[in-house]
Amino acid sequence: MVVVDHLDALRREGALLAEAADEVGLRAPVPTCPDWTIRDLLWHTGFIHRWAKTIVSEARQSRPDSSEIDLIAGPIPDDALLVEWYRESHAQLMRALEQAPLDLDCYHFLRAPSPLAFWTRRQAHETTIHRVDAESARGDEISPIDRDFAADGIDELLRGYHARRHSKVRSHIPKALHLHATDEPGGGSDWFLHITEEPLVTKRTFDGPVDCVLSGPVELLYLALWNRCRIDDLTVSGDTGVAKLWQNLSPIVWA
């Protein structure tokens, strides 16, 4: 996927998030984030949008520090205006990304073809996952996720986030986890995760033995890897302890 694809996804997902939040109300609990209400979700995602917008629009060369949080977020409105505050946060981010030059040089924290490619991709997936959170508060089915976009998000999570030294997905005894997307064109798509005491290594082809296989539609794999649906929603074969290892060690938190 390229920048324009991620911009399209970000535009759509932000609108769906705001729509779901407006529908269920700020006090609704978020089942996929047990300690949060919709109010917390809007504040977090809106702040992340403004944080990213600041980096992109000002071509920041380093991550803004904690002392700038209030300045970046701006005044937090009363509850009656919080959904609109989120919509404006999303709109500010969209404008910054759409107006950024292709050769933008700024801080980014995962490998990418360019800083602009990184930020459009990262914010598209950030917003999608939190849109799923908002829709989960309604208690009905979530809006579908495009197959190519879901596969792209799996790549970002595995070969971006969890390839870094910060990742906690480690095992003293080496393990191999095979992810198989059953609905990808050509009969399926695969990721092979090598879990050791070193940062995660993910390959798209592998000819060795695996300890556990998780199979299912690519959308469910994407959501399960982000802990937004149950591993039990997938077909699990082999050592279920490897799947539990992922569940316990993979969550990514804002810090």
C-alpha atoms as a PDB file:
ATOM      1  CA  MET A   1       0.000   0.000   0.000  1.00  0.00           C
ATOM      2  CA  VAL A   2       1.141   3.558  -0.707  1.00  0.00           C
ATOM      3  CA  VAL A   3       0.597   6.945   0.927  1.00  0.00           C
ATOM      4  CA  VAL A   4      -2.670   7.684  -0.864  1.00  0.00           C
ATOM      5  CA  ASP A   5      -4.125   4.321   0.215  1.00  0.00           C
ATOM      6  CA  HIS A   6      -3.285   4.999   3.845  1.00  0.00           C
ATOM      7  CA  LEU A   7      -4.708   8.518   3.635  1.00  0.00           C
ATOM      8  CA  ASP A   8      -7.973   7.117   2.281  1.00  0.00           C
ATOM      9  CA  ALA A   9      -8.098   4.587   5.118  1.00  0.00           C
ATOM     10  CA  LEU A  10      -7.301   7.225   7.746  1.00  0.00           C
ATOM     11  CA  ARG A  11     -10.064   9.500   6.435  1.00  0.00           C
ATOM     12  CA  ARG A  12     -12.626   6.691   6.517  1.00  0.00           C
ATOM     13  CA  GLU A  13     -11.622   5.224   9.876  1.00  0.00           C
ATOM     14  CA  GLY A  14     -11.616   8.558  11.689  1.00  0.00           C
ATOM     15  CA  ALA A  15     -15.141   9.266  10.498  1.00  0.00           C
ATOM     16  CA  LEU A  16     -16.337   5.825  11.634  1.00  0.00           C
ATOM     17  CA  LEU A  17     -14.699   6.253  15.055  1.00  0.00           C
ATOM     18  CA  ALA A  18     -16.430   9.594  15.641  1.00  0.00           C
ATOM     19  CA  GLU A  19     -19.745   8.191  14.430  1.00  0.00           C
ATOM     20  CA  ALA A  20     -19.576   5.250  16.843  1.00  0.00           C
ATOM     21  CA  ALA A  21     -18.545   7.486  19.750  1.00  0.00           C
ATOM     22  CA  ASP A  22     -21.418   9.864  19.046  1.00  0.00           C
ATOM     23  CA  GLU A  23     -23.841   6.962  18.962  1.00  0.00           C
ATOM     24  CA  VAL A  24     -22.907   5.217  22.228  1.00  0.00           C
ATOM     25  CA  GLY A  25     -22.008   8.215  24.386  1.00  0.00           C
ATOM     26  CA  LEU A  26     -18.935   9.141  26.387  1.00  0.00           C
ATOM     27  CA  ARG A  27     -19.688   7.004  29.436  1.00  0.00           C
ATOM     28  CA  ALA A  28     -19.974   3.736  27.516  1.00  0.00           C
ATOM     29  CA  PRO A  29     -17.326   1.189  28.550  1.00  0.00           C
ATOM     30  CA  VAL A  30     -14.956  -0.052  25.857  1.00  0.00           C
ATOM     31  CA  PRO A  31     -14.863  -3.881  26.050  1.00  0.00           C
ATOM     32  CA  THR A  32     -11.606  -4.155  24.083  1.00  0.00           C
ATOM     33  CA  CYS A  33      -9.884  -1.680  26.460  1.00  0.00           C
ATOM     34  CA  PRO A  34     -11.352  -2.755  29.827  1.00  0.00           C
ATOM     35  CA  ASP A  35     -10.178   0.283  31.815  1.00  0.00           C
ATOM     36  CA  TRP A  36     -11.482   2.834  29.301  1.00  0.00           C
ATOM     37  CA  THR A  37     -14.707   4.577  28.485  1.00  0.00           C
ATOM     38  CA  ILE A  38     -15.444   6.242  25.152  1.00  0.00           C
ATOM     39  CA  ARG A  39     -14.324   9.513  26.754  1.00  0.00           C
ATOM     40  CA  ASP A  40     -10.858   8.006  27.409  1.00  0.00           C
ATOM     41  CA  LEU A  41     -10.708   6.586  23.890  1.00  0.00           C
ATOM     42  CA  LEU A  42     -11.523   9.919  22.251  1.00  0.00           C
ATOM     43  CA  TRP A  43      -8.996  11.785  24.370  1.00  0.00           C
ATOM     44  CA  HIS A  44      -6.236   9.259  23.624  1.00  0.00           C
ATOM     45  CA  THR A  45      -6.841   9.038  19.881  1.00  0.00           C
ATOM     46  CA  GLY A  46      -7.411  12.769  19.452  1.00  0.00           C
ATOM     47  CA  PHE A  47      -4.199  13.533  21.310  1.00  0.00           C
ATOM     48  CA  ILE A  48      -2.254  11.021  19.187  1.00  0.00           C
ATOM     49  CA  HIS A  49      -3.611  12.727  16.058  1.00  0.00           C
ATOM     50  CA  ARG A  50      -2.464  16.131  17.322  1.00  0.00           C
ATOM     51  CA  TRP A  51       0.887  14.718  18.431  1.00  0.00           C
ATOM     52  CA  ALA A  52       1.499  13.251  14.958  1.00  0.00           C
ATOM     53  CA  LYS A  53       0.236  16.438  13.290  1.00  0.00           C
ATOM     54  CA  THR A  54       2.738  18.499  15.286  1.00  0.00           C
ATOM     55  CA  ILE A  55       5.646  16.280  14.222  1.00  0.00           C
ATOM     56  CA  VAL A  56       4.640  16.328  10.550  1.00  0.00           C
ATOM     57  CA  SER A  57       3.605  19.970  10.173  1.00  0.00           C
ATOM     58  CA  GLU A  58       6.644  21.287  12.070  1.00  0.00           C
ATOM     59  CA  ALA A  59       9.038  18.685  10.611  1.00  0.00           C
ATOM     60  CA  ARG A  60      10.167  17.844  14.128  1.00  0.00           C
ATOM     61  CA  GLN A  61      13.435  15.944  14.272  1.00  0.00           C
ATOM     62  CA  SER A  62      12.760  14.386  17.672  1.00  0.00           C
ATOM     63  CA  ARG A  63       9.793  13.139  19.654  1.00  0.00           C
ATOM     64  CA  PRO A  64       7.947  15.899  21.557  1.00  0.00           C
ATOM     65  CA  ASP A  65       8.572  15.500  25.277  1.00  0.00           C
ATOM     66  CA  SER A  66       6.011  15.165  28.054  1.00  0.00           C
ATOM     67  CA  SER A  67       6.218  18.847  28.966  1.00  0.00           C
ATOM     68  CA  GLU A  68       4.503  19.680  25.656  1.00  0.00           C
ATOM     69  CA  ILE A  69       1.438  17.481  26.131  1.00  0.00           C
ATOM     70  CA  ASP A  70      -0.912  20.292  27.179  1.00  0.00           C
ATOM     71  CA  LEU A  71       0.326  22.548  24.380  1.00  0.00           C
ATOM     72  CA  ILE A  72      -0.122  19.840  21.746  1.00  0.00           C
ATOM     73  CA  ALA A  73      -3.542  18.692  22.951  1.00  0.00           C
ATOM     74  CA  GLY A  74      -4.919  22.188  23.343  1.00  0.00           C
ATOM     75  CA  PRO A  75      -7.733  22.945  25.773  1.00  0.00           C
ATOM     76  CA  ILE A  76      -9.865  19.875  26.408  1.00  0.00           C
ATOM     77  CA  PRO A  77     -13.520  20.824  25.906  1.00  0.00           C
ATOM     78  CA  ASP A  78     -16.556  19.948  27.966  1.00  0.00           C
ATOM     79  CA  ASP A  79     -18.014  16.522  27.340  1.00  0.00           C
ATOM     80  CA  ALA A  80     -20.717  17.911  25.077  1.00  0.00           C
ATOM     81  CA  LEU A  81     -18.029  19.032  22.625  1.00  0.00           C
ATOM     82  CA  LEU A  82     -15.555  16.159  22.949  1.00  0.00           C
ATOM     83  CA  VAL A  83     -16.656  14.271  19.827  1.00  0.00           C
ATOM     84  CA  GLU A  84     -16.279  17.452  17.790  1.00  0.00           C
ATOM     85  CA  TRP A  85     -12.857  18.008  19.390  1.00  0.00           C
ATOM     86  CA  TYR A  86     -11.900  14.546  18.159  1.00  0.00           C
ATOM     87  CA  ARG A  87     -13.222  15.306  14.663  1.00  0.00           C
ATOM     88  CA  GLU A  88     -11.153  18.493  14.577  1.00  0.00           C
ATOM     89  CA  SER A  89      -8.069  16.596  15.794  1.00  0.00           C
ATOM     90  CA  HIS A  90      -8.558  14.119  12.959  1.00  0.00           C
ATOM     91  CA  ALA A  91      -9.101  16.935  10.442  1.00  0.00           C
ATOM     92  CA  GLN A  92      -5.897  18.677  11.559  1.00  0.00           C
ATOM     93  CA  LEU A  93      -3.931  15.472  11.051  1.00  0.00           C
ATOM     94  CA  MET A  94      -5.459  14.888   7.614  1.00  0.00           C
ATOM     95  CA  ARG A  95      -4.534  18.409   6.502  1.00  0.00           C
ATOM     96  CA  ALA A  96      -0.967  18.051   7.780  1.00  0.00           C
ATOM     97  CA  LEU A  97      -0.440  14.755   5.968  1.00  0.00           C
ATOM     98  CA  GLU A  98      -2.137  15.852   2.740  1.00  0.00           C
ATOM     99  CA  GLN A  99      -0.088  19.060   2.606  1.00  0.00           C
ATOM    100  CA  ALA A 100       3.248  17.490   3.610  1.00  0.00           C
ATOM    101  CA  PRO A 101       5.927  17.319   0.904  1.00  0.00           C
ATOM    102  CA  LEU A 102       6.865  13.884  -0.400  1.00  0.00           C
ATOM    103  CA  ASP A 103      10.426  14.463   0.798  1.00  0.00           C
ATOM    104  CA  LEU A 104       9.290  15.331   4.342  1.00  0.00           C
ATOM    105  CA  ASP A 105      12.119  14.841   6.826  1.00  0.00           C
ATOM    106  CA  CYS A 106      10.918  14.348  10.391  1.00  0.00           C
ATOM    107  CA  TYR A 107      11.017  12.053  13.403  1.00  0.00           C
ATOM    108  CA  HIS A 108       9.580   8.562  12.954  1.00  0.00           C
ATOM    109  CA  PHE A 109      10.118   5.378  14.927  1.00  0.00           C
ATOM    110  CA  LEU A 110       9.619   2.403  12.595  1.00  0.00           C
ATOM    111  CA  ARG A 111      11.355   1.512   9.362  1.00  0.00           C
ATOM    112  CA  ALA A 112       9.490   2.905   6.342  1.00  0.00           C
ATOM    113  CA  PRO A 113      10.158   4.043   2.760  1.00  0.00           C
ATOM    114  CA  SER A 114       9.913   7.650   3.981  1.00  0.00           C
ATOM    115  CA  PRO A 115       8.748   9.626   7.035  1.00  0.00           C
ATOM    116  CA  LEU A 116       5.536  10.534   5.202  1.00  0.00           C
ATOM    117  CA  ALA A 117       4.881   6.888   4.359  1.00  0.00           C
ATOM    118  CA  PHE A 118       5.469   6.001   8.006  1.00  0.00           C
ATOM    119  CA  TRP A 119       3.064   8.567   9.449  1.00  0.00           C
ATOM    120  CA  THR A 120       0.232   7.924   7.010  1.00  0.00           C
ATOM    121  CA  ARG A 121       0.498   4.174   7.602  1.00  0.00           C
ATOM    122  CA  ARG A 122       0.886   4.422  11.377  1.00  0.00           C
ATOM    123  CA  GLN A 123      -2.023   6.792  11.833  1.00  0.00           C
ATOM    124  CA  ALA A 124      -4.256   4.758   9.517  1.00  0.00           C
ATOM    125  CA  HIS A 125      -3.728   1.622  11.608  1.00  0.00           C
ATOM    126  CA  GLU A 126      -3.834   3.470  14.932  1.00  0.00           C
ATOM    127  CA  THR A 127      -7.210   4.898  13.981  1.00  0.00           C
ATOM    128  CA  THR A 128      -8.541   1.600  12.656  1.00  0.00           C
ATOM    129  CA  ILE A 129      -7.784  -0.263  15.868  1.00  0.00           C
ATOM    130  CA  HIS A 130      -9.382   2.469  17.975  1.00  0.00           C
ATOM    131  CA  ARG A 131     -12.362   2.596  15.625  1.00  0.00           C
ATOM    132  CA  VAL A 132     -12.804  -1.110  16.387  1.00  0.00           C
ATOM    133  CA  ASP A 133     -12.639  -0.202  20.084  1.00  0.00           C
ATOM    134  CA  ALA A 134     -15.351   2.430  19.666  1.00  0.00           C
ATOM    135  CA  GLU A 135     -17.601   0.101  17.685  1.00  0.00           C
ATOM    136  CA  SER A 136     -17.109  -2.674  20.259  1.00  0.00           C
ATOM    137  CA  ALA A 137     -18.913  -0.424  22.753  1.00  0.00           C
ATOM    138  CA  ARG A 138     -22.070  -0.765  20.630  1.00  0.00           C
ATOM    139  CA  GLY A 139     -22.143  -4.511  21.169  1.00  0.00           C
ATOM    140  CA  ASP A 140     -22.817  -5.370  17.530  1.00  0.00           C
ATOM    141  CA  GLU A 141     -20.660  -6.276  14.540  1.00  0.00           C
ATOM    142  CA  ILE A 142     -17.764  -4.027  13.646  1.00  0.00           C
ATOM    143  CA  SER A 143     -17.354  -2.441  10.235  1.00  0.00           C
ATOM    144  CA  PRO A 144     -15.305  -4.643   7.864  1.00  0.00           C
ATOM    145  CA  ILE A 145     -11.587  -4.161   7.322  1.00  0.00           C
ATOM    146  CA  ASP A 146     -10.184  -4.413   3.799  1.00  0.00           C
ATOM    147  CA  ARG A 147      -8.051  -7.536   3.275  1.00  0.00           C
ATOM    148  CA  ASP A 148      -5.049  -5.719   1.801  1.00  0.00           C
ATOM    149  CA  PHE A 149      -5.170  -3.169   4.595  1.00  0.00           C
ATOM    150  CA  ALA A 150      -5.348  -5.885   7.258  1.00  0.00           C
ATOM    151  CA  ALA A 151      -2.357  -7.693   5.730  1.00  0.00           C
ATOM    152  CA  ASP A 152      -0.463  -4.401   5.643  1.00  0.00           C
ATOM    153  CA  GLY A 153      -1.253  -3.883   9.328  1.00  0.00           C
ATOM    154  CA  ILE A 154       0.027  -7.336  10.218  1.00  0.00           C
ATOM    155  CA  ASP A 155       3.280  -6.521   8.428  1.00  0.00           C
ATOM    156  CA  GLU A 156       3.610  -3.226  10.294  1.00  0.00           C
ATOM    157  CA  LEU A 157       2.967  -4.837  13.669  1.00  0.00           C
ATOM    158  CA  LEU A 158       5.265  -7.829  13.213  1.00  0.00           C
ATOM    159  CA  ARG A 159       8.076  -6.420  11.099  1.00  0.00           C
ATOM    160  CA  GLY A 160       7.911  -2.931  12.576  1.00  0.00           C
ATOM    161  CA  TYR A 161       6.872  -2.804  16.208  1.00  0.00           C
ATOM    162  CA  HIS A 162       7.961  -6.270  17.269  1.00  0.00           C
ATOM    163  CA  ALA A 163      11.225  -6.248  15.344  1.00  0.00           C
ATOM    164  CA  ARG A 164      12.440  -3.548  17.740  1.00  0.00           C
ATOM    165  CA  ARG A 165      14.413  -4.150  20.913  1.00  0.00           C
ATOM    166  CA  HIS A 166      11.479  -2.698  22.920  1.00  0.00           C
ATOM    167  CA  SER A 167       9.269  -5.687  22.081  1.00  0.00           C
ATOM    168  CA  LYS A 168       8.568  -8.031  24.977  1.00  0.00           C
ATOM    169  CA  VAL A 169       7.715 -10.974  22.723  1.00  0.00           C
ATOM    170  CA  ARG A 170      10.630 -13.204  23.758  1.00  0.00           C
ATOM    171  CA  SER A 171      11.109 -16.836  24.755  1.00  0.00           C
ATOM    172  CA  HIS A 172      14.037 -18.579  26.442  1.00  0.00           C
ATOM    173  CA  ILE A 173      13.089 -21.674  24.439  1.00  0.00           C
ATOM    174  CA  PRO A 174      12.870 -20.783  20.721  1.00  0.00           C
ATOM    175  CA  LYS A 175       9.353 -21.048  19.304  1.00  0.00           C
ATOM    176  CA  ALA A 176       7.945 -20.764  15.785  1.00  0.00           C
ATOM    177  CA  LEU A 177       4.434 -19.402  15.240  1.00  0.00           C
ATOM    178  CA  HIS A 178       2.794 -19.681  11.814  1.00  0.00           C
ATOM    179  CA  LEU A 179       0.015 -17.263  10.868  1.00  0.00           C
ATOM    180  CA  HIS A 180      -2.061 -18.357   7.888  1.00  0.00           C
ATOM    181  CA  ALA A 181      -4.600 -16.031   6.274  1.00  0.00           C
ATOM    182  CA  THR A 182      -7.092 -18.321   4.614  1.00  0.00           C
ATOM    183  CA  ASP A 183      -8.820 -15.726   2.435  1.00  0.00           C
ATOM    184  CA  GLU A 184      -5.899 -14.041   0.712  1.00  0.00           C
ATOM    185  CA  PRO A 185      -5.723 -14.358  -3.112  1.00  0.00           C
ATOM    186  CA  GLY A 186      -3.812 -17.355  -4.390  1.00  0.00           C
ATOM    187  CA  GLY A 187      -4.928 -19.664  -1.608  1.00  0.00           C
ATOM    188  CA  GLY A 188      -3.651 -17.783   1.400  1.00  0.00           C
ATOM    189  CA  SER A 189      -0.897 -15.662   2.856  1.00  0.00           C
ATOM    190  CA  ASP A 190       1.554 -16.541   5.605  1.00  0.00           C
ATOM    191  CA  TRP A 191       3.786 -15.077   8.275  1.00  0.00           C
ATOM    192  CA  PHE A 192       6.314 -17.157  10.228  1.00  0.00           C
ATOM    193  CA  LEU A 193       7.340 -15.724  13.588  1.00  0.00           C
ATOM    194  CA  HIS A 194      10.629 -16.805  15.158  1.00  0.00           C
ATOM    195  CA  ILE A 195      10.374 -16.089  18.880  1.00  0.00           C
ATOM    196  CA  THR A 196      13.666 -16.226  20.760  1.00  0.00           C
ATOM    197  CA  GLU A 197      15.493 -14.191  23.398  1.00  0.00           C
ATOM    198  CA  GLU A 198      16.247 -11.653  20.645  1.00  0.00           C
ATOM    199  CA  PRO A 199      13.767  -9.297  18.916  1.00  0.00           C
ATOM    200  CA  LEU A 200      11.109 -11.048  16.859  1.00  0.00           C
ATOM    201  CA  VAL A 201      12.059 -12.151  13.347  1.00  0.00           C
ATOM    202  CA  THR A 202       9.168 -12.526  10.888  1.00  0.00           C
ATOM    203  CA  LYS A 203       9.461 -14.171   7.479  1.00  0.00           C
ATOM    204  CA  ARG A 204       6.890 -14.661   4.746  1.00  0.00           C
ATOM    205  CA  THR A 205       8.251 -18.088   3.752  1.00  0.00           C
ATOM    206  CA  PHE A 206       9.688 -20.828   5.964  1.00  0.00           C
ATOM    207  CA  ASP A 207      10.571 -24.472   5.414  1.00  0.00           C
ATOM    208  CA  GLY A 208      11.147 -25.601   9.003  1.00  0.00           C
ATOM    209  CA  PRO A 209       8.876 -27.021  11.727  1.00  0.00           C
ATOM    210  CA  VAL A 210       6.467 -24.746  13.612  1.00  0.00           C
ATOM    211  CA  ASP A 211       5.102 -25.067  17.140  1.00  0.00           C
ATOM    212  CA  CYS A 212       1.703 -23.466  16.601  1.00  0.00           C
ATOM    213  CA  VAL A 213      -0.487 -22.411  13.662  1.00  0.00           C
ATOM    214  CA  LEU A 214      -3.153 -19.711  13.795  1.00  0.00           C
ATOM    215  CA  SER A 215      -5.460 -19.753  10.767  1.00  0.00           C
ATOM    216  CA  GLY A 216      -8.382 -17.610   9.729  1.00  0.00           C
ATOM    217  CA  PRO A 217      -9.483 -14.654   7.607  1.00  0.00           C
ATOM    218  CA  VAL A 218      -6.815 -11.967   7.452  1.00  0.00           C
ATOM    219  CA  GLU A 219      -9.136  -9.456   9.160  1.00  0.00           C
ATOM    220  CA  LEU A 220      -9.430 -11.738  12.204  1.00  0.00           C
ATOM    221  CA  LEU A 221      -5.684 -12.358  12.258  1.00  0.00           C
ATOM    222  CA  TYR A 222      -5.123  -8.591  12.268  1.00  0.00           C
ATOM    223  CA  LEU A 223      -7.570  -8.061  15.119  1.00  0.00           C
ATOM    224  CA  ALA A 224      -6.287 -11.035  17.114  1.00  0.00           C
ATOM    225  CA  LEU A 225      -2.672  -9.882  16.851  1.00  0.00           C
ATOM    226  CA  TRP A 226      -3.762  -6.494  18.210  1.00  0.00           C
ATOM    227  CA  ASN A 227      -5.732  -8.361  20.923  1.00  0.00           C
ATOM    228  CA  ARG A 228      -9.040  -6.983  19.594  1.00  0.00           C
ATOM    229  CA  CYS A 229     -10.629 -10.399  19.170  1.00  0.00           C
ATOM    230  CA  ARG A 230     -10.081 -13.740  20.829  1.00  0.00           C
ATOM    231  CA  ILE A 231      -7.475 -16.185  19.633  1.00  0.00           C
ATOM    232  CA  ASP A 232     -10.312 -18.721  19.961  1.00  0.00           C
ATOM    233  CA  ASP A 233     -11.996 -16.969  17.011  1.00  0.00           C
ATOM    234  CA  LEU A 234      -9.194 -18.438  14.881  1.00  0.00           C
ATOM    235  CA  THR A 235      -8.316 -22.052  14.175  1.00  0.00           C
ATOM    236  CA  VAL A 236      -5.489 -22.962  16.552  1.00  0.00           C
ATOM    237  CA  SER A 237      -3.368 -26.073  16.083  1.00  0.00           C
ATOM    238  CA  GLY A 238      -0.227 -27.236  17.850  1.00  0.00           C
ATOM    239  CA  ASP A 239       1.134 -25.781  21.074  1.00  0.00           C
ATOM    240  CA  THR A 240      -1.510 -23.357  22.365  1.00  0.00           C
ATOM    241  CA  GLY A 241       1.057 -22.037  24.835  1.00  0.00           C
ATOM    242  CA  VAL A 242       2.734 -20.174  21.964  1.00  0.00           C
ATOM    243  CA  ALA A 243      -0.523 -18.370  21.181  1.00  0.00           C
ATOM    244  CA  LYS A 244      -0.894 -17.498  24.877  1.00  0.00           C
ATOM    245  CA  LEU A 245       2.694 -16.219  24.921  1.00  0.00           C
ATOM    246  CA  TRP A 246       1.762 -13.804  22.148  1.00  0.00           C
ATOM    247  CA  GLN A 247      -1.384 -12.667  23.990  1.00  0.00           C
ATOM    248  CA  ASN A 248       0.507 -12.050  27.214  1.00  0.00           C
ATOM    249  CA  LEU A 249       3.607 -10.313  25.847  1.00  0.00           C
ATOM    250  CA  SER A 250       2.535  -8.484  22.694  1.00  0.00           C
ATOM    251  CA  PRO A 251       0.338  -5.579  23.904  1.00  0.00           C
ATOM    252  CA  ILE A 252       1.724  -2.176  22.928  1.00  0.00           C
ATOM    253  CA  VAL A 253       1.105   0.706  25.284  1.00  0.00           C
ATOM    254  CA  TRP A 254       1.582   4.441  24.943  1.00  0.00           C
ATOM    255  CA  ALA A 255       4.639   5.615  26.854  1.00  0.00           C
END
